[in-house]
N, C-alpha and C. Protein backbone atom coordinates (compact mmCIF):
# COMPACT_ATOMS: atom_id res chain seq x y z
N MET A 1 5.48 42.65 28.70
CA MET A 1 4.88 41.33 28.77
C MET A 1 4.03 41.04 27.53
N LYS A 2 3.19 42.06 27.16
CA LYS A 2 2.34 41.88 25.99
C LYS A 2 3.20 41.67 24.74
N ARG A 3 4.31 42.38 24.65
CA ARG A 3 5.20 42.28 23.51
C ARG A 3 5.78 40.85 23.40
N ASN A 4 6.15 40.26 24.54
CA ASN A 4 6.68 38.89 24.56
C ASN A 4 5.62 37.87 24.11
N ILE A 5 4.39 38.04 24.59
CA ILE A 5 3.30 37.12 24.21
C ILE A 5 3.01 37.27 22.72
N THR A 6 2.98 38.49 22.21
CA THR A 6 2.74 38.72 20.79
C THR A 6 3.85 38.09 19.96
N ALA A 7 5.09 38.25 20.38
CA ALA A 7 6.22 37.66 19.65
C ALA A 7 6.13 36.14 19.65
N LEU A 8 5.79 35.56 20.79
CA LEU A 8 5.63 34.10 20.87
C LEU A 8 4.50 33.61 19.97
N LEU A 9 3.39 34.34 19.94
CA LEU A 9 2.26 33.96 19.08
C LEU A 9 2.65 34.04 17.59
N ILE A 10 3.38 35.06 17.23
CA ILE A 10 3.83 35.20 15.83
C ILE A 10 4.79 34.07 15.47
N ILE A 11 5.72 33.75 16.35
CA ILE A 11 6.65 32.64 16.10
C ILE A 11 5.89 31.32 15.99
N ALA A 12 4.93 31.10 16.89
CA ALA A 12 4.13 29.85 16.86
C ALA A 12 3.34 29.77 15.54
N LEU A 13 2.79 30.89 15.09
CA LEU A 13 2.04 30.92 13.83
C LEU A 13 2.96 30.60 12.65
N ILE A 14 4.14 31.21 12.64
CA ILE A 14 5.10 30.96 11.53
C ILE A 14 5.52 29.49 11.52
N VAL A 15 5.83 28.94 12.69
CA VAL A 15 6.21 27.52 12.77
C VAL A 15 5.06 26.63 12.32
N SER A 16 3.84 26.93 12.75
CA SER A 16 2.68 26.14 12.37
C SER A 16 2.46 26.16 10.85
N VAL A 17 2.56 27.33 10.26
CA VAL A 17 2.38 27.45 8.80
C VAL A 17 3.48 26.68 8.07
N PHE A 18 4.72 26.78 8.56
CA PHE A 18 5.83 26.05 7.95
C PHE A 18 5.60 24.54 8.03
N LEU A 19 5.21 24.06 9.21
CA LEU A 19 4.97 22.61 9.37
C LEU A 19 3.80 22.15 8.48
N TYR A 20 2.74 22.95 8.41
CA TYR A 20 1.58 22.58 7.59
C TYR A 20 1.95 22.54 6.11
N THR A 21 2.66 23.52 5.62
CA THR A 21 3.05 23.53 4.21
C THR A 21 4.08 22.46 3.90
N SER A 22 4.76 21.96 4.92
CA SER A 22 5.74 20.87 4.75
C SER A 22 5.08 19.49 4.83
N GLY A 23 3.75 19.46 5.01
CA GLY A 23 3.04 18.19 4.99
C GLY A 23 2.76 17.58 6.36
N TYR A 24 3.14 18.24 7.43
CA TYR A 24 2.90 17.71 8.77
C TYR A 24 1.44 17.91 9.14
N ARG A 25 0.86 16.87 9.75
CA ARG A 25 -0.54 16.91 10.17
C ARG A 25 -0.68 16.28 11.55
N LEU A 26 -1.86 16.42 12.13
CA LEU A 26 -2.12 15.88 13.47
C LEU A 26 -2.49 14.41 13.49
N ASP A 27 -2.81 13.84 12.31
CA ASP A 27 -3.12 12.40 12.26
C ASP A 27 -2.55 11.82 10.97
N GLY A 28 -2.43 10.50 10.94
CA GLY A 28 -1.79 9.80 9.83
C GLY A 28 -2.52 9.93 8.50
N VAL A 29 -3.84 9.82 8.52
CA VAL A 29 -4.58 9.84 7.25
C VAL A 29 -4.53 11.24 6.63
N SER A 30 -4.57 12.29 7.45
CA SER A 30 -4.45 13.65 6.91
C SER A 30 -3.06 13.86 6.30
N ALA A 31 -2.03 13.31 6.95
CA ALA A 31 -0.69 13.41 6.40
C ALA A 31 -0.59 12.66 5.08
N ALA A 32 -1.21 11.48 5.00
CA ALA A 32 -1.19 10.71 3.75
C ALA A 32 -1.90 11.47 2.63
N ARG A 33 -3.01 12.09 2.94
CA ARG A 33 -3.74 12.87 1.93
C ARG A 33 -2.97 14.12 1.51
N ALA A 34 -2.07 14.60 2.38
CA ALA A 34 -1.25 15.77 2.05
C ALA A 34 -0.03 15.38 1.20
N ASN A 35 0.25 14.08 1.07
CA ASN A 35 1.36 13.61 0.23
C ASN A 35 1.12 14.08 -1.20
N ALA A 36 2.09 14.71 -1.80
CA ALA A 36 1.94 15.30 -3.14
C ALA A 36 1.59 14.26 -4.20
N HIS A 37 1.89 12.99 -3.98
CA HIS A 37 1.63 11.96 -4.98
C HIS A 37 0.28 11.28 -4.84
N VAL A 38 -0.45 11.61 -3.78
CA VAL A 38 -1.78 11.03 -3.55
C VAL A 38 -2.82 11.94 -4.21
N PRO A 39 -3.52 11.44 -5.25
CA PRO A 39 -4.52 12.27 -5.93
C PRO A 39 -5.60 12.76 -4.96
N LYS A 40 -6.10 13.95 -5.19
CA LYS A 40 -7.08 14.57 -4.30
C LYS A 40 -8.39 13.79 -4.22
N ASP A 41 -8.74 13.04 -5.28
CA ASP A 41 -10.01 12.31 -5.29
C ASP A 41 -9.88 10.90 -4.68
N SER A 42 -8.75 10.61 -4.05
CA SER A 42 -8.49 9.28 -3.53
C SER A 42 -9.47 8.87 -2.45
N VAL A 43 -9.84 7.58 -2.51
CA VAL A 43 -10.73 6.98 -1.52
C VAL A 43 -9.90 5.99 -0.71
N LEU A 44 -9.98 6.08 0.61
CA LEU A 44 -9.25 5.17 1.47
C LEU A 44 -9.94 3.81 1.46
N LEU A 45 -9.21 2.75 1.06
CA LEU A 45 -9.77 1.41 1.01
C LEU A 45 -9.38 0.57 2.22
N ASP A 46 -8.16 0.75 2.72
CA ASP A 46 -7.70 -0.06 3.85
C ASP A 46 -6.48 0.61 4.47
N GLN A 47 -6.12 0.15 5.65
CA GLN A 47 -4.92 0.66 6.31
C GLN A 47 -4.35 -0.41 7.22
N VAL A 48 -3.03 -0.33 7.45
CA VAL A 48 -2.34 -1.23 8.36
C VAL A 48 -1.55 -0.35 9.33
N ASP A 49 -1.79 -0.52 10.62
CA ASP A 49 -1.13 0.29 11.64
C ASP A 49 0.11 -0.44 12.17
N TYR A 50 1.17 0.33 12.35
CA TYR A 50 2.41 -0.15 12.96
C TYR A 50 2.77 0.77 14.12
N ASP A 51 3.72 0.37 14.96
CA ASP A 51 4.16 1.23 16.08
C ASP A 51 4.70 2.57 15.57
N TRP A 52 5.36 2.56 14.44
CA TRP A 52 6.02 3.75 13.91
C TRP A 52 5.15 4.59 12.98
N GLY A 53 4.00 4.07 12.54
CA GLY A 53 3.16 4.79 11.60
C GLY A 53 2.08 3.92 11.00
N THR A 54 1.57 4.31 9.84
CA THR A 54 0.47 3.61 9.19
C THR A 54 0.68 3.57 7.69
N VAL A 55 0.31 2.44 7.08
CA VAL A 55 0.31 2.27 5.63
C VAL A 55 -1.15 2.39 5.18
N TYR A 56 -1.40 3.32 4.25
CA TYR A 56 -2.75 3.57 3.74
C TYR A 56 -2.87 3.11 2.30
N ILE A 57 -3.94 2.37 1.99
CA ILE A 57 -4.23 1.90 0.63
C ILE A 57 -5.35 2.78 0.08
N PHE A 58 -5.03 3.55 -0.98
CA PHE A 58 -6.00 4.45 -1.61
C PHE A 58 -6.30 3.99 -3.03
N HIS A 59 -7.48 4.39 -3.50
CA HIS A 59 -7.84 4.19 -4.90
C HIS A 59 -8.34 5.53 -5.43
N SER A 60 -8.00 5.82 -6.68
CA SER A 60 -8.49 7.03 -7.32
C SER A 60 -8.70 6.74 -8.80
N ALA A 61 -9.33 7.68 -9.50
CA ALA A 61 -9.52 7.53 -10.94
C ALA A 61 -8.17 7.50 -11.65
N GLU A 62 -7.17 8.18 -11.07
CA GLU A 62 -5.86 8.25 -11.69
C GLU A 62 -5.05 6.97 -11.51
N LYS A 63 -5.03 6.42 -10.27
CA LYS A 63 -4.21 5.22 -10.00
C LYS A 63 -4.46 4.74 -8.58
N PRO A 64 -4.26 3.44 -8.34
CA PRO A 64 -4.22 2.94 -6.97
C PRO A 64 -2.86 3.36 -6.37
N ILE A 65 -2.87 3.79 -5.13
CA ILE A 65 -1.63 4.25 -4.52
C ILE A 65 -1.59 3.91 -3.04
N THR A 66 -0.40 3.62 -2.58
CA THR A 66 -0.15 3.34 -1.18
C THR A 66 0.69 4.49 -0.61
N ALA A 67 0.25 5.06 0.51
CA ALA A 67 1.01 6.13 1.16
C ALA A 67 1.36 5.70 2.56
N ILE A 68 2.58 6.03 2.97
CA ILE A 68 3.07 5.67 4.29
C ILE A 68 3.19 6.93 5.13
N SER A 69 2.49 6.98 6.25
CA SER A 69 2.57 8.10 7.18
C SER A 69 3.38 7.66 8.40
N MET A 70 4.29 8.53 8.82
CA MET A 70 5.14 8.22 9.98
C MET A 70 4.93 9.24 11.08
N LYS A 71 4.97 8.74 12.31
CA LYS A 71 4.88 9.64 13.48
C LYS A 71 6.20 10.38 13.61
N LYS A 72 6.09 11.69 13.70
CA LYS A 72 7.28 12.55 13.83
C LYS A 72 7.01 13.63 14.87
N LEU A 73 8.04 14.18 15.43
CA LEU A 73 7.94 15.31 16.36
C LEU A 73 6.89 15.09 17.44
N ALA A 74 6.89 13.91 18.03
CA ALA A 74 6.03 13.53 19.15
C ALA A 74 4.56 13.37 18.79
N PHE A 75 3.90 14.39 18.27
CA PHE A 75 2.45 14.28 18.02
C PHE A 75 2.08 14.57 16.56
N LEU A 76 3.06 14.83 15.71
CA LEU A 76 2.77 15.14 14.32
C LEU A 76 3.08 13.95 13.42
N TRP A 77 2.41 13.92 12.29
CA TRP A 77 2.59 12.87 11.28
C TRP A 77 3.02 13.53 9.97
N VAL A 78 3.78 12.77 9.15
CA VAL A 78 4.16 13.24 7.82
C VAL A 78 4.23 12.04 6.89
N SER A 79 3.89 12.27 5.62
CA SER A 79 3.94 11.20 4.62
C SER A 79 4.84 11.67 3.47
N ARG A 80 5.99 11.03 3.33
CA ARG A 80 6.93 11.37 2.29
C ARG A 80 7.11 10.22 1.28
N THR A 81 6.57 9.05 1.60
CA THR A 81 6.76 7.87 0.77
C THR A 81 5.43 7.38 0.23
N SER A 82 5.42 7.06 -1.07
CA SER A 82 4.22 6.47 -1.68
C SER A 82 4.64 5.53 -2.80
N VAL A 83 3.76 4.60 -3.10
CA VAL A 83 3.99 3.61 -4.16
C VAL A 83 2.71 3.53 -4.97
N TYR A 84 2.81 3.62 -6.31
CA TYR A 84 1.60 3.53 -7.10
C TYR A 84 1.55 2.22 -7.85
N TYR A 85 0.35 1.84 -8.23
CA TYR A 85 0.11 0.63 -8.99
C TYR A 85 -0.64 0.99 -10.27
N PHE A 86 -0.61 0.09 -11.24
CA PHE A 86 -1.27 0.33 -12.51
C PHE A 86 -2.74 -0.04 -12.42
N HIS A 87 -3.59 0.76 -13.12
CA HIS A 87 -4.99 0.38 -13.26
C HIS A 87 -5.07 -0.85 -14.15
N GLN A 88 -5.79 -1.85 -13.71
CA GLN A 88 -5.98 -3.06 -14.51
C GLN A 88 -7.42 -3.50 -14.37
N GLU A 89 -7.91 -4.13 -15.39
CA GLU A 89 -9.28 -4.65 -15.37
C GLU A 89 -9.27 -6.17 -15.23
N ASP A 90 -8.25 -6.70 -14.57
CA ASP A 90 -8.12 -8.14 -14.38
C ASP A 90 -9.12 -8.63 -13.33
N PRO A 91 -9.40 -9.94 -13.32
CA PRO A 91 -10.31 -10.49 -12.28
C PRO A 91 -9.74 -10.37 -10.87
N ILE A 92 -8.41 -10.28 -10.76
CA ILE A 92 -7.75 -10.03 -9.47
C ILE A 92 -6.80 -8.86 -9.67
N ARG A 93 -6.86 -7.89 -8.76
CA ARG A 93 -6.04 -6.68 -8.92
C ARG A 93 -5.27 -6.39 -7.63
N THR A 94 -3.99 -6.15 -7.77
CA THR A 94 -3.21 -5.65 -6.64
C THR A 94 -3.49 -4.16 -6.57
N ILE A 95 -3.99 -3.71 -5.44
CA ILE A 95 -4.39 -2.31 -5.29
C ILE A 95 -3.44 -1.53 -4.40
N GLY A 96 -2.47 -2.21 -3.81
CA GLY A 96 -1.53 -1.50 -2.97
C GLY A 96 -0.55 -2.42 -2.28
N GLY A 97 0.47 -1.79 -1.75
CA GLY A 97 1.46 -2.55 -1.01
C GLY A 97 2.79 -1.83 -0.97
N VAL A 98 3.64 -2.30 -0.08
CA VAL A 98 4.96 -1.72 0.09
C VAL A 98 5.81 -2.70 0.87
N SER A 99 7.12 -2.62 0.66
CA SER A 99 8.07 -3.34 1.49
C SER A 99 9.10 -2.33 1.96
N MET A 100 9.19 -2.15 3.27
CA MET A 100 10.09 -1.16 3.85
C MET A 100 11.12 -1.84 4.73
N ALA A 101 12.37 -1.41 4.58
CA ALA A 101 13.47 -2.01 5.35
C ALA A 101 14.33 -0.95 6.01
N ASN A 102 13.70 0.15 6.44
CA ASN A 102 14.45 1.18 7.17
C ASN A 102 14.88 0.63 8.52
N GLU A 103 15.83 1.28 9.14
CA GLU A 103 16.33 0.82 10.43
C GLU A 103 15.21 0.74 11.47
N ARG A 104 14.37 1.75 11.52
CA ARG A 104 13.28 1.82 12.49
C ARG A 104 11.95 1.32 11.92
N GLU A 105 11.69 1.60 10.66
CA GLU A 105 10.42 1.26 10.04
C GLU A 105 10.59 0.05 9.14
N LYS A 106 10.07 -1.08 9.60
CA LYS A 106 10.10 -2.31 8.81
C LYS A 106 8.66 -2.77 8.59
N ALA A 107 8.34 -3.10 7.34
CA ALA A 107 6.97 -3.51 7.05
C ALA A 107 6.89 -4.13 5.66
N THR A 108 5.95 -5.02 5.50
CA THR A 108 5.55 -5.53 4.18
C THR A 108 4.03 -5.56 4.17
N VAL A 109 3.43 -4.98 3.15
CA VAL A 109 1.98 -4.93 3.00
C VAL A 109 1.65 -5.26 1.56
N LEU A 110 0.62 -6.08 1.35
CA LEU A 110 0.10 -6.38 0.02
C LEU A 110 -1.42 -6.38 0.12
N SER A 111 -2.08 -5.57 -0.70
CA SER A 111 -3.54 -5.48 -0.68
C SER A 111 -4.09 -5.79 -2.06
N VAL A 112 -5.14 -6.62 -2.08
CA VAL A 112 -5.68 -7.18 -3.32
C VAL A 112 -7.20 -7.10 -3.29
N ILE A 113 -7.81 -6.89 -4.47
CA ILE A 113 -9.26 -7.02 -4.63
C ILE A 113 -9.52 -8.10 -5.65
N VAL A 114 -10.42 -9.03 -5.31
CA VAL A 114 -10.77 -10.15 -6.19
C VAL A 114 -12.17 -9.93 -6.74
N HIS A 115 -12.31 -10.12 -8.06
CA HIS A 115 -13.61 -10.03 -8.73
C HIS A 115 -14.04 -11.35 -9.35
N ASP A 116 -13.23 -12.39 -9.21
CA ASP A 116 -13.55 -13.72 -9.73
C ASP A 116 -14.22 -14.53 -8.63
N PRO A 117 -15.51 -14.88 -8.78
CA PRO A 117 -16.23 -15.60 -7.73
C PRO A 117 -15.69 -17.01 -7.48
N GLU A 118 -14.88 -17.54 -8.40
CA GLU A 118 -14.28 -18.86 -8.20
C GLU A 118 -13.19 -18.82 -7.13
N VAL A 119 -12.61 -17.66 -6.92
CA VAL A 119 -11.53 -17.52 -5.94
C VAL A 119 -12.15 -17.35 -4.55
N THR A 120 -11.77 -18.23 -3.62
CA THR A 120 -12.33 -18.19 -2.27
C THR A 120 -11.32 -17.78 -1.21
N SER A 121 -10.01 -17.87 -1.56
CA SER A 121 -8.97 -17.46 -0.59
C SER A 121 -7.71 -17.05 -1.33
N LEU A 122 -6.89 -16.27 -0.62
CA LEU A 122 -5.58 -15.86 -1.11
C LEU A 122 -4.55 -16.39 -0.13
N GLU A 123 -3.42 -16.83 -0.68
CA GLU A 123 -2.32 -17.34 0.12
C GLU A 123 -1.07 -16.55 -0.25
N VAL A 124 -0.41 -15.97 0.75
CA VAL A 124 0.74 -15.13 0.49
C VAL A 124 1.82 -15.45 1.54
N GLY A 125 3.06 -15.59 1.07
CA GLY A 125 4.18 -15.83 1.97
C GLY A 125 4.68 -17.26 1.88
N LEU A 126 5.82 -17.48 2.48
CA LEU A 126 6.42 -18.81 2.54
C LEU A 126 6.85 -19.09 3.98
N GLY A 127 6.88 -20.34 4.34
CA GLY A 127 7.37 -20.75 5.66
C GLY A 127 6.62 -20.07 6.79
N ALA A 128 7.39 -19.48 7.73
CA ALA A 128 6.78 -18.84 8.90
C ALA A 128 5.96 -17.61 8.54
N GLN A 129 6.22 -17.01 7.37
CA GLN A 129 5.48 -15.81 6.96
C GLN A 129 4.18 -16.13 6.20
N LEU A 130 3.88 -17.40 5.97
CA LEU A 130 2.72 -17.77 5.18
C LEU A 130 1.42 -17.34 5.86
N GLN A 131 0.55 -16.66 5.08
CA GLN A 131 -0.77 -16.26 5.55
C GLN A 131 -1.80 -16.67 4.51
N ARG A 132 -2.95 -17.13 4.94
CA ARG A 132 -4.06 -17.43 4.06
C ARG A 132 -5.28 -16.71 4.60
N LYS A 133 -5.98 -15.99 3.69
CA LYS A 133 -7.16 -15.24 4.09
C LYS A 133 -8.32 -15.52 3.15
N PRO A 134 -9.55 -15.55 3.69
CA PRO A 134 -10.73 -15.74 2.84
C PRO A 134 -10.99 -14.48 2.01
N VAL A 135 -11.68 -14.67 0.90
CA VAL A 135 -11.99 -13.58 -0.02
C VAL A 135 -13.46 -13.26 0.03
N ILE A 136 -13.79 -11.97 0.06
CA ILE A 136 -15.14 -11.47 -0.20
C ILE A 136 -15.01 -10.69 -1.51
N VAL A 137 -15.72 -11.14 -2.53
CA VAL A 137 -15.61 -10.53 -3.87
C VAL A 137 -15.87 -9.03 -3.78
N GLY A 138 -14.93 -8.26 -4.36
CA GLY A 138 -15.05 -6.81 -4.40
C GLY A 138 -14.56 -6.07 -3.17
N GLU A 139 -14.09 -6.82 -2.15
CA GLU A 139 -13.59 -6.20 -0.91
C GLU A 139 -12.07 -6.37 -0.84
N PRO A 140 -11.36 -5.35 -0.31
CA PRO A 140 -9.90 -5.49 -0.17
C PRO A 140 -9.53 -6.61 0.81
N VAL A 141 -8.49 -7.36 0.44
CA VAL A 141 -7.88 -8.34 1.32
C VAL A 141 -6.44 -7.87 1.50
N THR A 142 -6.07 -7.56 2.73
CA THR A 142 -4.75 -6.97 2.98
C THR A 142 -3.92 -7.88 3.89
N PHE A 143 -2.70 -8.15 3.44
CA PHE A 143 -1.73 -8.95 4.18
C PHE A 143 -0.66 -8.00 4.71
N SER A 144 -0.16 -8.29 5.91
CA SER A 144 0.90 -7.43 6.47
C SER A 144 1.83 -8.23 7.36
N TRP A 145 3.07 -7.78 7.39
CA TRP A 145 4.12 -8.35 8.23
C TRP A 145 4.90 -7.21 8.85
N THR A 146 5.56 -7.47 9.97
CA THR A 146 6.36 -6.45 10.66
C THR A 146 7.84 -6.56 10.28
N GLU A 147 8.10 -7.07 9.10
CA GLU A 147 9.45 -7.19 8.58
C GLU A 147 9.42 -6.91 7.08
N SER A 148 10.56 -6.66 6.51
CA SER A 148 10.65 -6.42 5.08
C SER A 148 10.82 -7.76 4.37
N ILE A 149 9.92 -8.05 3.43
CA ILE A 149 9.96 -9.29 2.65
C ILE A 149 9.92 -8.92 1.18
N SER A 150 10.82 -9.44 0.39
CA SER A 150 10.80 -9.19 -1.04
C SER A 150 9.54 -9.80 -1.66
N TRP A 151 8.95 -9.11 -2.65
CA TRP A 151 7.74 -9.64 -3.26
C TRP A 151 8.00 -11.01 -3.89
N ASN A 152 9.24 -11.28 -4.33
CA ASN A 152 9.59 -12.58 -4.90
C ASN A 152 9.40 -13.70 -3.87
N ASP A 153 9.57 -13.36 -2.60
CA ASP A 153 9.45 -14.36 -1.54
C ASP A 153 8.02 -14.47 -1.01
N LEU A 154 7.13 -13.64 -1.48
CA LEU A 154 5.74 -13.71 -1.01
C LEU A 154 4.94 -14.79 -1.72
N ASN A 155 5.28 -15.07 -2.97
CA ASN A 155 4.65 -16.14 -3.75
C ASN A 155 3.11 -16.10 -3.65
N PRO A 156 2.46 -14.97 -3.97
CA PRO A 156 1.02 -14.86 -3.83
C PRO A 156 0.27 -15.78 -4.79
N LYS A 157 -0.78 -16.41 -4.26
CA LYS A 157 -1.62 -17.32 -5.05
C LYS A 157 -3.08 -17.09 -4.70
N ALA A 158 -3.94 -17.27 -5.69
CA ALA A 158 -5.39 -17.23 -5.49
C ALA A 158 -5.92 -18.64 -5.62
N LEU A 159 -6.69 -19.07 -4.64
CA LEU A 159 -7.13 -20.48 -4.58
C LEU A 159 -8.65 -20.59 -4.66
N ASN A 160 -9.11 -21.75 -5.15
CA ASN A 160 -10.56 -22.00 -5.14
C ASN A 160 -10.94 -22.76 -3.86
N ASN A 161 -12.18 -23.15 -3.78
CA ASN A 161 -12.71 -23.81 -2.59
C ASN A 161 -12.00 -25.13 -2.28
N ASP A 162 -11.45 -25.80 -3.31
CA ASP A 162 -10.74 -27.06 -3.12
C ASP A 162 -9.26 -26.88 -2.83
N GLY A 163 -8.78 -25.63 -2.75
CA GLY A 163 -7.38 -25.36 -2.49
C GLY A 163 -6.52 -25.39 -3.74
N LYS A 164 -7.16 -25.46 -4.91
CA LYS A 164 -6.43 -25.46 -6.18
C LYS A 164 -6.03 -24.03 -6.55
N THR A 165 -4.78 -23.85 -6.99
CA THR A 165 -4.29 -22.53 -7.40
C THR A 165 -4.93 -22.15 -8.74
N LEU A 166 -5.59 -21.00 -8.76
CA LEU A 166 -6.22 -20.50 -9.99
C LEU A 166 -5.39 -19.36 -10.63
N TYR A 167 -4.74 -18.55 -9.79
CA TYR A 167 -3.95 -17.42 -10.27
C TYR A 167 -2.66 -17.34 -9.46
N GLU A 168 -1.62 -16.76 -10.12
CA GLU A 168 -0.35 -16.47 -9.48
C GLU A 168 0.01 -15.01 -9.75
N TYR A 169 0.59 -14.36 -8.76
CA TYR A 169 1.04 -12.97 -8.91
C TYR A 169 2.51 -13.01 -9.28
N ARG A 170 2.83 -12.56 -10.51
CA ARG A 170 4.20 -12.64 -11.00
C ARG A 170 4.32 -11.81 -12.27
N TYR A 171 5.55 -11.76 -12.79
CA TYR A 171 5.76 -11.18 -14.11
C TYR A 171 5.41 -12.20 -15.16
N ALA A 172 5.03 -11.72 -16.35
CA ALA A 172 4.88 -12.61 -17.50
C ALA A 172 6.26 -13.18 -17.83
N ASN A 173 6.31 -14.42 -18.17
CA ASN A 173 7.60 -15.01 -18.56
C ASN A 173 7.94 -14.52 -19.95
N SER A 174 8.95 -13.68 -20.03
CA SER A 174 9.34 -13.11 -21.31
C SER A 174 10.80 -12.67 -21.21
N HIS A 175 11.30 -12.11 -22.30
CA HIS A 175 12.66 -11.59 -22.32
C HIS A 175 12.73 -10.17 -21.78
N HIS A 176 11.57 -9.55 -21.61
CA HIS A 176 11.52 -8.15 -21.14
C HIS A 176 10.71 -8.12 -19.84
N ILE A 177 11.28 -7.50 -18.83
CA ILE A 177 10.55 -7.32 -17.57
C ILE A 177 10.09 -5.87 -17.51
N ARG A 178 8.76 -5.71 -17.45
CA ARG A 178 8.16 -4.38 -17.35
C ARG A 178 7.26 -4.36 -16.13
N ALA A 179 7.28 -3.24 -15.41
CA ALA A 179 6.47 -3.14 -14.19
C ALA A 179 5.00 -3.42 -14.46
N VAL A 180 4.50 -2.99 -15.60
CA VAL A 180 3.07 -3.19 -15.92
C VAL A 180 2.74 -4.68 -16.08
N ASP A 181 3.74 -5.54 -16.30
CA ASP A 181 3.48 -6.98 -16.46
C ASP A 181 3.43 -7.74 -15.14
N LEU A 182 3.69 -7.07 -14.02
CA LEU A 182 3.54 -7.70 -12.71
C LEU A 182 2.07 -7.65 -12.35
N ARG A 183 1.43 -8.81 -12.42
CA ARG A 183 -0.01 -8.89 -12.20
C ARG A 183 -0.43 -10.32 -11.87
N TRP A 184 -1.71 -10.53 -11.69
CA TRP A 184 -2.25 -11.85 -11.38
C TRP A 184 -2.57 -12.57 -12.70
N TYR A 185 -1.89 -13.69 -12.93
CA TYR A 185 -2.10 -14.48 -14.14
C TYR A 185 -2.82 -15.78 -13.80
N PRO A 186 -3.82 -16.13 -14.63
CA PRO A 186 -4.42 -17.47 -14.46
C PRO A 186 -3.33 -18.52 -14.62
N LEU A 187 -3.40 -19.57 -13.86
CA LEU A 187 -2.37 -20.60 -13.90
C LEU A 187 -2.16 -21.07 -15.33
N GLY A 188 -0.91 -21.01 -15.79
CA GLY A 188 -0.57 -21.44 -17.14
C GLY A 188 -0.61 -20.33 -18.18
N GLU A 189 -1.15 -19.14 -17.82
CA GLU A 189 -1.20 -18.04 -18.78
C GLU A 189 -0.12 -17.01 -18.47
N GLY A 190 0.07 -16.10 -19.39
CA GLY A 190 1.07 -15.06 -19.23
C GLY A 190 2.48 -15.58 -19.41
N LEU A 191 2.59 -16.68 -20.12
CA LEU A 191 3.89 -17.30 -20.30
C LEU A 191 4.66 -16.68 -21.44
N GLN A 192 4.00 -15.96 -22.31
CA GLN A 192 4.65 -15.25 -23.40
C GLN A 192 4.26 -13.78 -23.32
N SER A 193 5.20 -12.92 -23.58
CA SER A 193 4.86 -11.49 -23.53
C SER A 193 4.21 -11.09 -24.83
N ASN A 194 3.39 -10.06 -24.77
CA ASN A 194 2.77 -9.50 -25.97
C ASN A 194 3.57 -8.29 -26.39
N ASN A 195 4.58 -8.51 -27.22
CA ASN A 195 5.43 -7.39 -27.64
C ASN A 195 4.81 -6.63 -28.76
């Protein structure tokens, strides 16, 4: 009997070590922090919970990053997907987001921090997906949907108190499309690329 219990304990220990080294954790945020692409100094800024898991918005000295943790094996979580953003010193910064279109996991998240006191609200989405949220300068504003929406269809805008568009989230109009050029441009600016 003792031999059977000892064997079961050894097997349980081996399985536990294997799951731990594979990134499985007991909660979503621990799984996200175990994601190899999430810097160790990351600070959690915001999160969006879904039935299938959670999207975490992190910031670090290295880069802003979004990590997705999914519920697996009944009570365990794992994070295998992440998206990073570029550090920018713009008055409005996209700090995280993701669009997922898996069969079971569908989500769209966009998180922004505004440092321009003229901006009082953000508007994201079109038609039935349109959302408008007030801005607190220096605080994350996070939009989320339970479906996959292309960023092109989100049409993000930053508005002033009168509802006038001050900034648009888009690529600079140029002959070259570079990921680093996807950012918040003051209305009428960013129309030529700086090659």
